[in-house]
Amino acid sequence: MSVKSSKIGDLKRSSDFFLRGGDLFFLVGDVYYKVNSVFFERESPIFAALVKNWDIPDAQAKGASLSTALILENVSVTQFERFLWVFYNRQFSPYDAPLDAWKDILDLAHRWEFGEVKKLAVRQLHSIRGIHPVDRIVLYKDYDVDEEYIIPLYAKLIVRDEPLSQRESQKLGVDTTVLIFQARERLRTQEQDGLKSPLPTDVNDAEVMRVVAQLFGSDNASEEDSFAEQAHDRIKKVVETSKVHPLYANIGSRPGRKGARLY
């Protein structure tokens, strides 16, 4: 964000988000926005600090007028209006938006430290079916999403019969690809012809989680069981509170007990 003077006459006001009761001004491209600062001040420490400066005598009140509007760089009009929609949704119903919209919302929420908006975007993205596990992993890691959403995706790639393709490996990067291949090796037995067999029938979710813990979690062996148990609890919570692939619909056993399979 930056503040610079501009010729107001050359610019236009947003038809949807130049609000009569607004007190916070933005400029995106050639479009002015006037919105309620309360949402930004409440949800983001970055904007809270900015609005707090409005009360300091002789301080430049950045964003408090058209002439000091906050200029948002590397943000499109579409992205910003999708973000504002979170606060000004007119439907009074569960948020319903396409995949690209939630990606834009996640991006801005992460950049501007809107913690609750970020959580909302992650929940909504998690409920959208049809996103490839590799693409989910890349997206979630790019925005530091909590590992409770990522661990089940690693597990899904580990237990499937097919190894990672070249394209999938390129997306995941060398480090993650190596760890996934190592996990697959640990869970499979070597057949006489030198080829790897499918996942053994007696492998359950606790065993898969233990391998994930060893490779993606702590390097301390004494902490692996604890990590696996915590991972299991987090995954179960996600399964119970969101729409997930049927692969995880039956997870319910505790680590150390034989229970529902992951595949």
C-alpha atoms as a PDB file:
ATOM      1  CA  MET A   1       0.000   0.000   0.000  1.00  0.00           C
ATOM      2  CA  SER A   2       1.133   3.528  -0.652  1.00  0.00           C
ATOM      3  CA  VAL A   3      -0.223   7.058  -0.540  1.00  0.00           C
ATOM      4  CA  LYS A   4       0.279   9.551  -3.370  1.00  0.00           C
ATOM      5  CA  SER A   5      -1.677  12.408  -4.871  1.00  0.00           C
ATOM      6  CA  SER A   6      -3.782  11.798  -7.962  1.00  0.00           C
ATOM      7  CA  LYS A   7      -6.111  13.753 -10.202  1.00  0.00           C
ATOM      8  CA  ILE A   8      -9.516  12.789  -8.887  1.00  0.00           C
ATOM      9  CA  GLY A   9     -11.198  14.014 -12.049  1.00  0.00           C
ATOM     10  CA  ASP A  10      -9.441  11.339 -14.103  1.00  0.00           C
ATOM     11  CA  LEU A  11     -10.685   8.550 -11.864  1.00  0.00           C
ATOM     12  CA  LYS A  12     -14.037   6.997 -11.048  1.00  0.00           C
ATOM     13  CA  ARG A  13     -15.874   5.780  -7.985  1.00  0.00           C
ATOM     14  CA  SER A  14     -16.863   2.168  -7.428  1.00  0.00           C
ATOM     15  CA  SER A  15     -20.537   1.638  -8.155  1.00  0.00           C
ATOM     16  CA  ASP A  16     -20.852  -0.937  -5.354  1.00  0.00           C
ATOM     17  CA  PHE A  17     -18.285   0.077  -2.764  1.00  0.00           C
ATOM     18  CA  PHE A  18     -18.218   3.861  -2.524  1.00  0.00           C
ATOM     19  CA  LEU A  19     -20.425   3.952   0.545  1.00  0.00           C
ATOM     20  CA  ARG A  20     -22.174   6.951   2.051  1.00  0.00           C
ATOM     21  CA  GLY A  21     -21.140   6.003   5.583  1.00  0.00           C
ATOM     22  CA  GLY A  22     -17.620   4.930   4.662  1.00  0.00           C
ATOM     23  CA  ASP A  23     -14.554   6.530   6.197  1.00  0.00           C
ATOM     24  CA  LEU A  24     -11.657   4.572   4.668  1.00  0.00           C
ATOM     25  CA  PHE A  25     -10.572   5.354   1.104  1.00  0.00           C
ATOM     26  CA  PHE A  26      -8.748   3.106  -1.349  1.00  0.00           C
ATOM     27  CA  LEU A  27      -7.600   3.508  -4.926  1.00  0.00           C
ATOM     28  CA  VAL A  28      -7.264   0.404  -7.091  1.00  0.00           C
ATOM     29  CA  GLY A  29      -6.270   1.097 -10.670  1.00  0.00           C
ATOM     30  CA  ASP A  30      -8.495   4.022 -11.620  1.00  0.00           C
ATOM     31  CA  VAL A  31     -11.313   3.201  -9.186  1.00  0.00           C
ATOM     32  CA  TYR A  32     -11.906   4.822  -5.790  1.00  0.00           C
ATOM     33  CA  TYR A  33     -13.452   2.937  -2.874  1.00  0.00           C
ATOM     34  CA  LYS A  34     -14.968   4.322   0.310  1.00  0.00           C
ATOM     35  CA  VAL A  35     -15.694   1.629   2.879  1.00  0.00           C
ATOM     36  CA  ASN A  36     -16.142   1.207   6.620  1.00  0.00           C
ATOM     37  CA  SER A  37     -12.854   1.194   8.492  1.00  0.00           C
ATOM     38  CA  VAL A  38     -14.341  -0.866  11.331  1.00  0.00           C
ATOM     39  CA  PHE A  39     -13.952  -4.119   9.396  1.00  0.00           C
ATOM     40  CA  PHE A  40     -10.333  -3.414   8.507  1.00  0.00           C
ATOM     41  CA  GLU A  41      -9.421  -2.108  11.949  1.00  0.00           C
ATOM     42  CA  ARG A  42     -11.084  -5.057  13.694  1.00  0.00           C
ATOM     43  CA  GLU A  43      -9.697  -7.838  11.521  1.00  0.00           C
ATOM     44  CA  SER A  44      -6.180  -6.703  10.572  1.00  0.00           C
ATOM     45  CA  PRO A  45      -3.377  -5.433  12.829  1.00  0.00           C
ATOM     46  CA  ILE A  46      -1.907  -3.655   9.812  1.00  0.00           C
ATOM     47  CA  PHE A  47      -5.014  -1.548   9.281  1.00  0.00           C
ATOM     48  CA  ALA A  48      -5.614  -1.200  13.022  1.00  0.00           C
ATOM     49  CA  ALA A  49      -2.269   0.584  13.337  1.00  0.00           C
ATOM     50  CA  LEU A  50      -3.072   2.785  10.352  1.00  0.00           C
ATOM     51  CA  VAL A  51      -6.485   3.868  11.647  1.00  0.00           C
ATOM     52  CA  LYS A  52      -5.056   4.470  15.117  1.00  0.00           C
ATOM     53  CA  ASN A  53      -2.794   7.141  13.615  1.00  0.00           C
ATOM     54  CA  TRP A  54      -5.845   9.138  12.543  1.00  0.00           C
ATOM     55  CA  ASP A  55      -6.176  10.359  16.137  1.00  0.00           C
ATOM     56  CA  ILE A  56      -2.608  11.676  16.323  1.00  0.00           C
ATOM     57  CA  PRO A  57      -2.505  15.506  15.984  1.00  0.00           C
ATOM     58  CA  ASP A  58      -0.696  16.780  12.863  1.00  0.00           C
ATOM     59  CA  ALA A  59      -0.259  13.240  11.548  1.00  0.00           C
ATOM     60  CA  GLN A  60      -1.122  12.537   7.930  1.00  0.00           C
ATOM     61  CA  ALA A  61      -4.402  10.631   8.076  1.00  0.00           C
ATOM     62  CA  LYS A  62      -3.580   8.083   5.395  1.00  0.00           C
ATOM     63  CA  GLY A  63      -6.711   6.630   3.886  1.00  0.00           C
ATOM     64  CA  ALA A  64      -9.048   9.093   5.593  1.00  0.00           C
ATOM     65  CA  SER A  65      -9.886  11.111   2.466  1.00  0.00           C
ATOM     66  CA  LEU A  66      -9.841  10.967  -1.327  1.00  0.00           C
ATOM     67  CA  SER A  67      -6.596  12.929  -1.445  1.00  0.00           C
ATOM     68  CA  THR A  68      -4.857  10.451   0.882  1.00  0.00           C
ATOM     69  CA  ALA A  69      -6.513   7.291  -0.420  1.00  0.00           C
ATOM     70  CA  LEU A  70      -4.511   4.125   0.076  1.00  0.00           C
ATOM     71  CA  ILE A  71      -3.243   2.991  -3.305  1.00  0.00           C
ATOM     72  CA  LEU A  72      -3.285  -0.790  -3.500  1.00  0.00           C
ATOM     73  CA  GLU A  73      -0.521  -2.071  -5.735  1.00  0.00           C
ATOM     74  CA  ASN A  74      -0.454  -5.544  -7.277  1.00  0.00           C
ATOM     75  CA  VAL A  75      -4.208  -5.815  -6.649  1.00  0.00           C
ATOM     76  CA  SER A  76      -6.865  -5.818  -9.364  1.00  0.00           C
ATOM     77  CA  VAL A  77     -10.330  -4.308  -9.116  1.00  0.00           C
ATOM     78  CA  THR A  78     -11.835  -7.799  -9.330  1.00  0.00           C
ATOM     79  CA  GLN A  79      -9.640  -9.113  -6.509  1.00  0.00           C
ATOM     80  CA  PHE A  80     -10.404  -6.214  -4.194  1.00  0.00           C
ATOM     81  CA  GLU A  81     -14.141  -6.332  -4.799  1.00  0.00           C
ATOM     82  CA  ARG A  82     -14.168 -10.062  -4.124  1.00  0.00           C
ATOM     83  CA  PHE A  83     -12.413  -9.337  -0.837  1.00  0.00           C
ATOM     84  CA  LEU A  84     -14.868  -6.584   0.109  1.00  0.00           C
ATOM     85  CA  TRP A  85     -17.751  -8.924  -0.691  1.00  0.00           C
ATOM     86  CA  VAL A  86     -16.836 -10.928   2.418  1.00  0.00           C
ATOM     87  CA  PHE A  87     -17.893  -7.954   4.566  1.00  0.00           C
ATOM     88  CA  TYR A  88     -20.745  -6.719   2.387  1.00  0.00           C
ATOM     89  CA  ASN A  89     -22.423  -9.931   1.271  1.00  0.00           C
ATOM     90  CA  ARG A  90     -26.044  -8.967   0.580  1.00  0.00           C
ATOM     91  CA  GLN A  91     -27.465 -12.471   0.611  1.00  0.00           C
ATOM     92  CA  PHE A  92     -27.386 -13.074   4.396  1.00  0.00           C
ATOM     93  CA  SER A  93     -26.672 -16.699   3.609  1.00  0.00           C
ATOM     94  CA  PRO A  94     -23.696 -19.069   3.500  1.00  0.00           C
ATOM     95  CA  TYR A  95     -20.948 -17.631   1.359  1.00  0.00           C
ATOM     96  CA  ASP A  96     -21.111 -19.007  -2.168  1.00  0.00           C
ATOM     97  CA  ALA A  97     -18.356 -18.085  -4.608  1.00  0.00           C
ATOM     98  CA  PRO A  98     -16.274 -19.869  -7.260  1.00  0.00           C
ATOM     99  CA  LEU A  99     -12.807 -21.280  -6.714  1.00  0.00           C
ATOM    100  CA  ASP A 100     -10.947 -18.320  -8.218  1.00  0.00           C
ATOM    101  CA  ALA A 101     -12.800 -15.903  -5.954  1.00  0.00           C
ATOM    102  CA  TRP A 102     -11.772 -17.760  -2.811  1.00  0.00           C
ATOM    103  CA  LYS A 103      -8.183 -17.898  -4.044  1.00  0.00           C
ATOM    104  CA  ASP A 104      -8.202 -14.114  -4.426  1.00  0.00           C
ATOM    105  CA  ILE A 105      -9.758 -13.671  -0.989  1.00  0.00           C
ATOM    106  CA  LEU A 106      -7.174 -15.996   0.559  1.00  0.00           C
ATOM    107  CA  ASP A 107      -4.356 -14.113  -1.146  1.00  0.00           C
ATOM    108  CA  LEU A 108      -5.379 -10.694   0.164  1.00  0.00           C
ATOM    109  CA  ALA A 109      -6.321 -11.991   3.609  1.00  0.00           C
ATOM    110  CA  HIS A 110      -2.878 -13.564   3.924  1.00  0.00           C
ATOM    111  CA  ARG A 111      -1.075 -10.465   2.654  1.00  0.00           C
ATOM    112  CA  TRP A 112      -2.955  -8.069   4.916  1.00  0.00           C
ATOM    113  CA  GLU A 113      -3.165 -10.358   7.962  1.00  0.00           C
ATOM    114  CA  PHE A 114      -6.940 -10.754   8.109  1.00  0.00           C
ATOM    115  CA  GLY A 115      -6.847 -13.891  10.249  1.00  0.00           C
ATOM    116  CA  GLU A 116     -10.558 -14.691  10.383  1.00  0.00           C
ATOM    117  CA  VAL A 117     -11.087 -13.970   6.701  1.00  0.00           C
ATOM    118  CA  LYS A 118      -8.195 -16.279   5.898  1.00  0.00           C
ATOM    119  CA  LYS A 119      -9.793 -19.046   7.965  1.00  0.00           C
ATOM    120  CA  LEU A 120     -13.079 -18.511   6.131  1.00  0.00           C
ATOM    121  CA  ALA A 121     -11.364 -18.724   2.743  1.00  0.00           C
ATOM    122  CA  VAL A 122      -9.550 -21.924   3.725  1.00  0.00           C
ATOM    123  CA  ARG A 123     -12.774 -23.534   4.956  1.00  0.00           C
ATOM    124  CA  GLN A 124     -14.554 -22.622   1.745  1.00  0.00           C
ATOM    125  CA  LEU A 125     -11.695 -23.850  -0.436  1.00  0.00           C
ATOM    126  CA  HIS A 126     -11.585 -27.080   1.544  1.00  0.00           C
ATOM    127  CA  SER A 127     -15.266 -27.677   0.847  1.00  0.00           C
ATOM    128  CA  ILE A 128     -14.874 -27.321  -2.928  1.00  0.00           C
ATOM    129  CA  ARG A 129     -14.606 -30.718  -4.576  1.00  0.00           C
ATOM    130  CA  GLY A 130     -12.574 -31.496  -7.667  1.00  0.00           C
ATOM    131  CA  ILE A 131      -9.306 -29.801  -6.685  1.00  0.00           C
ATOM    132  CA  HIS A 132      -6.384 -32.180  -7.188  1.00  0.00           C
ATOM    133  CA  PRO A 133      -4.546 -33.016  -3.921  1.00  0.00           C
ATOM    134  CA  VAL A 134      -1.257 -31.733  -5.341  1.00  0.00           C
ATOM    135  CA  ASP A 135      -2.827 -28.401  -6.275  1.00  0.00           C
ATOM    136  CA  ARG A 136      -4.348 -28.143  -2.802  1.00  0.00           C
ATOM    137  CA  ILE A 137      -0.985 -28.823  -1.158  1.00  0.00           C
ATOM    138  CA  VAL A 138       0.753 -26.169  -3.256  1.00  0.00           C
ATOM    139  CA  LEU A 139      -2.000 -23.630  -2.566  1.00  0.00           C
ATOM    140  CA  TYR A 140      -2.124 -24.303   1.168  1.00  0.00           C
ATOM    141  CA  LYS A 141       1.660 -24.201   1.559  1.00  0.00           C
ATOM    142  CA  ASP A 142       1.926 -20.954  -0.410  1.00  0.00           C
ATOM    143  CA  TYR A 143      -0.348 -19.301   2.149  1.00  0.00           C
ATOM    144  CA  ASP A 144       0.877 -21.027   5.325  1.00  0.00           C
ATOM    145  CA  VAL A 145      -2.402 -22.851   5.890  1.00  0.00           C
ATOM    146  CA  ASP A 146      -2.572 -24.954   9.059  1.00  0.00           C
ATOM    147  CA  GLU A 147      -1.082 -28.426   8.662  1.00  0.00           C
ATOM    148  CA  GLU A 148      -4.379 -30.056   9.686  1.00  0.00           C
ATOM    149  CA  TYR A 149      -5.513 -29.410   6.130  1.00  0.00           C
ATOM    150  CA  ILE A 150      -2.256 -30.530   4.500  1.00  0.00           C
ATOM    151  CA  ILE A 151      -1.475 -33.777   6.339  1.00  0.00           C
ATOM    152  CA  PRO A 152      -4.476 -35.696   4.909  1.00  0.00           C
ATOM    153  CA  LEU A 153      -3.406 -34.626   1.420  1.00  0.00           C
ATOM    154  CA  TYR A 154       0.076 -36.041   1.946  1.00  0.00           C
ATOM    155  CA  ALA A 155      -1.529 -39.247   3.195  1.00  0.00           C
ATOM    156  CA  LYS A 156      -3.716 -39.515   0.115  1.00  0.00           C
ATOM    157  CA  LEU A 157      -0.695 -39.273  -2.203  1.00  0.00           C
ATOM    158  CA  ILE A 158       1.203 -41.782  -0.092  1.00  0.00           C
ATOM    159  CA  VAL A 159      -1.455 -44.504  -0.061  1.00  0.00           C
ATOM    160  CA  ARG A 160      -2.586 -44.323  -3.694  1.00  0.00           C
ATOM    161  CA  ASP A 161      -1.236 -46.984  -6.050  1.00  0.00           C
ATOM    162  CA  GLU A 162       0.226 -44.570  -8.612  1.00  0.00           C
ATOM    163  CA  PRO A 163       3.492 -42.772  -7.806  1.00  0.00           C
ATOM    164  CA  LEU A 164       3.815 -39.047  -8.352  1.00  0.00           C
ATOM    165  CA  SER A 165       3.993 -38.040 -11.991  1.00  0.00           C
ATOM    166  CA  GLN A 166       6.701 -35.755 -13.309  1.00  0.00           C
ATOM    167  CA  ARG A 167       4.245 -32.858 -13.474  1.00  0.00           C
ATOM    168  CA  GLU A 168       3.058 -33.451  -9.907  1.00  0.00           C
ATOM    169  CA  SER A 169       6.653 -33.635  -8.702  1.00  0.00           C
ATOM    170  CA  GLN A 170       7.479 -30.339 -10.386  1.00  0.00           C
ATOM    171  CA  LYS A 171       4.539 -28.658  -8.678  1.00  0.00           C
ATOM    172  CA  LEU A 172       5.416 -30.014  -5.237  1.00  0.00           C
ATOM    173  CA  GLY A 173       9.124 -29.287  -5.466  1.00  0.00           C
ATOM    174  CA  VAL A 174      12.090 -31.529  -4.757  1.00  0.00           C
ATOM    175  CA  ASP A 175      11.905 -31.636  -0.951  1.00  0.00           C
ATOM    176  CA  THR A 176       8.224 -32.569  -0.686  1.00  0.00           C
ATOM    177  CA  THR A 177       8.488 -35.048  -3.564  1.00  0.00           C
ATOM    178  CA  VAL A 178      11.381 -36.874  -1.916  1.00  0.00           C
ATOM    179  CA  LEU A 179       9.517 -37.127   1.392  1.00  0.00           C
ATOM    180  CA  ILE A 180       6.412 -38.524  -0.296  1.00  0.00           C
ATOM    181  CA  PHE A 181       8.454 -41.139  -2.148  1.00  0.00           C
ATOM    182  CA  GLN A 182      10.209 -42.095   1.099  1.00  0.00           C
ATOM    183  CA  ALA A 183       6.861 -42.494   2.844  1.00  0.00           C
ATOM    184  CA  ARG A 184       5.543 -44.668   0.019  1.00  0.00           C
ATOM    185  CA  GLU A 185       8.651 -46.856   0.233  1.00  0.00           C
ATOM    186  CA  ARG A 186       8.236 -47.381   3.967  1.00  0.00           C
ATOM    187  CA  LEU A 187       4.638 -48.533   3.620  1.00  0.00           C
ATOM    188  CA  ARG A 188       5.188 -50.949   0.764  1.00  0.00           C
ATOM    189  CA  THR A 189       7.058 -54.227   0.517  1.00  0.00           C
ATOM    190  CA  GLN A 190       9.509 -55.216  -2.189  1.00  0.00           C
ATOM    191  CA  GLU A 191       8.253 -57.928  -4.520  1.00  0.00           C
ATOM    192  CA  GLN A 192      10.522 -60.539  -6.078  1.00  0.00           C
ATOM    193  CA  ASP A 193      10.421 -58.909  -9.506  1.00  0.00           C
ATOM    194  CA  GLY A 194      11.824 -55.714  -8.006  1.00  0.00           C
ATOM    195  CA  LEU A 195       8.598 -53.758  -8.368  1.00  0.00           C
ATOM    196  CA  LYS A 196       6.755 -52.206  -5.491  1.00  0.00           C
ATOM    197  CA  SER A 197       3.504 -53.842  -4.476  1.00  0.00           C
ATOM    198  CA  PRO A 198       0.266 -51.984  -3.745  1.00  0.00           C
ATOM    199  CA  LEU A 199      -0.223 -50.780  -0.198  1.00  0.00           C
ATOM    200  CA  PRO A 200      -0.430 -53.817   2.128  1.00  0.00           C
ATOM    201  CA  THR A 201      -3.968 -54.674   3.207  1.00  0.00           C
ATOM    202  CA  ASP A 202      -3.099 -54.512   6.912  1.00  0.00           C
ATOM    203  CA  VAL A 203      -1.910 -50.899   6.823  1.00  0.00           C
ATOM    204  CA  ASN A 204      -4.352 -48.635   8.662  1.00  0.00           C
ATOM    205  CA  ASP A 205      -4.643 -44.905   9.157  1.00  0.00           C
ATOM    206  CA  ALA A 206      -2.549 -44.874  12.344  1.00  0.00           C
ATOM    207  CA  GLU A 207       0.396 -46.446  10.537  1.00  0.00           C
ATOM    208  CA  VAL A 208       0.114 -44.000   7.668  1.00  0.00           C
ATOM    209  CA  MET A 209      -0.014 -41.078  10.094  1.00  0.00           C
ATOM    210  CA  ARG A 210       3.031 -42.387  11.928  1.00  0.00           C
ATOM    211  CA  VAL A 211       5.018 -42.407   8.697  1.00  0.00           C
ATOM    212  CA  VAL A 212       3.767 -38.910   7.882  1.00  0.00           C
ATOM    213  CA  ALA A 213       4.864 -37.833  11.364  1.00  0.00           C
ATOM    214  CA  GLN A 214       8.323 -39.276  10.880  1.00  0.00           C
ATOM    215  CA  LEU A 215       8.899 -37.610   7.535  1.00  0.00           C
ATOM    216  CA  PHE A 216       6.860 -34.395   7.658  1.00  0.00           C
ATOM    217  CA  GLY A 217       6.819 -33.788  11.396  1.00  0.00           C
ATOM    218  CA  SER A 218       9.368 -34.004  14.181  1.00  0.00           C
ATOM    219  CA  ASP A 219      12.817 -35.546  13.729  1.00  0.00           C
ATOM    220  CA  ASN A 220      12.692 -36.628  17.372  1.00  0.00           C
ATOM    221  CA  ALA A 221      11.594 -40.261  17.503  1.00  0.00           C
ATOM    222  CA  SER A 222      10.167 -39.848  21.008  1.00  0.00           C
ATOM    223  CA  GLU A 223       7.715 -37.256  19.694  1.00  0.00           C
ATOM    224  CA  GLU A 224       6.460 -39.245  16.711  1.00  0.00           C
ATOM    225  CA  ASP A 225       3.624 -41.051  18.514  1.00  0.00           C
ATOM    226  CA  SER A 226       2.421 -37.782  20.017  1.00  0.00           C
ATOM    227  CA  PHE A 227       2.561 -36.081  16.629  1.00  0.00           C
ATOM    228  CA  ALA A 228       0.670 -38.946  15.009  1.00  0.00           C
ATOM    229  CA  GLU A 229      -2.053 -38.812  17.658  1.00  0.00           C
ATOM    230  CA  GLN A 230      -2.396 -35.050  17.310  1.00  0.00           C
ATOM    231  CA  ALA A 231      -2.473 -35.366  13.524  1.00  0.00           C
ATOM    232  CA  HIS A 232      -5.193 -37.989  13.780  1.00  0.00           C
ATOM    233  CA  ASP A 233      -7.291 -35.743  16.015  1.00  0.00           C
ATOM    234  CA  ARG A 234      -6.855 -32.760  13.682  1.00  0.00           C
ATOM    235  CA  ILE A 235      -7.757 -34.791  10.619  1.00  0.00           C
ATOM    236  CA  LYS A 236     -10.832 -36.225  12.330  1.00  0.00           C
ATOM    237  CA  LYS A 237     -11.924 -32.701  13.253  1.00  0.00           C
ATOM    238  CA  VAL A 238     -11.577 -31.534   9.652  1.00  0.00           C
ATOM    239  CA  VAL A 239     -13.524 -34.557   8.417  1.00  0.00           C
ATOM    240  CA  GLU A 240     -16.350 -33.902  10.868  1.00  0.00           C
ATOM    241  CA  THR A 241     -16.668 -30.198  10.075  1.00  0.00           C
ATOM    242  CA  SER A 242     -16.250 -30.017   6.315  1.00  0.00           C
ATOM    243  CA  LYS A 243     -16.983 -31.735   3.028  1.00  0.00           C
ATOM    244  CA  VAL A 244     -14.032 -33.946   2.191  1.00  0.00           C
ATOM    245  CA  HIS A 245     -13.239 -36.688  -0.251  1.00  0.00           C
ATOM    246  CA  PRO A 246     -14.896 -40.033   0.669  1.00  0.00           C
ATOM    247  CA  LEU A 247     -11.383 -41.381   1.193  1.00  0.00           C
ATOM    248  CA  TYR A 248     -11.406 -39.803   4.659  1.00  0.00           C
ATOM    249  CA  ALA A 249     -15.051 -40.291   5.540  1.00  0.00           C
ATOM    250  CA  ASN A 250     -14.369 -43.342   7.724  1.00  0.00           C
ATOM    251  CA  ILE A 251     -11.365 -42.178   9.699  1.00  0.00           C
ATOM    252  CA  GLY A 252     -12.176 -42.855  13.307  1.00  0.00           C
ATOM    253  CA  SER A 253      -9.610 -45.124  14.902  1.00  0.00           C
ATOM    254  CA  ARG A 254      -7.104 -43.872  17.400  1.00  0.00           C
ATOM    255  CA  PRO A 255      -3.359 -44.244  16.747  1.00  0.00           C
ATOM    256  CA  GLY A 256      -2.184 -47.609  17.996  1.00  0.00           C
ATOM    257  CA  ARG A 257      -5.488 -49.336  17.229  1.00  0.00           C
ATOM    258  CA  LYS A 258      -6.512 -51.073  14.064  1.00  0.00           C
ATOM    259  CA  GLY A 259      -9.323 -49.160  12.439  1.00  0.00           C
ATOM    260  CA  ALA A 260     -10.698 -47.679   9.275  1.00  0.00           C
ATOM    261  CA  ARG A 261      -8.447 -47.775   6.262  1.00  0.00           C
ATOM    262  CA  LEU A 262      -7.339 -44.726   4.334  1.00  0.00           C
ATOM    263  CA  TYR A 263      -8.016 -46.154   0.905  1.00  0.00           C
END
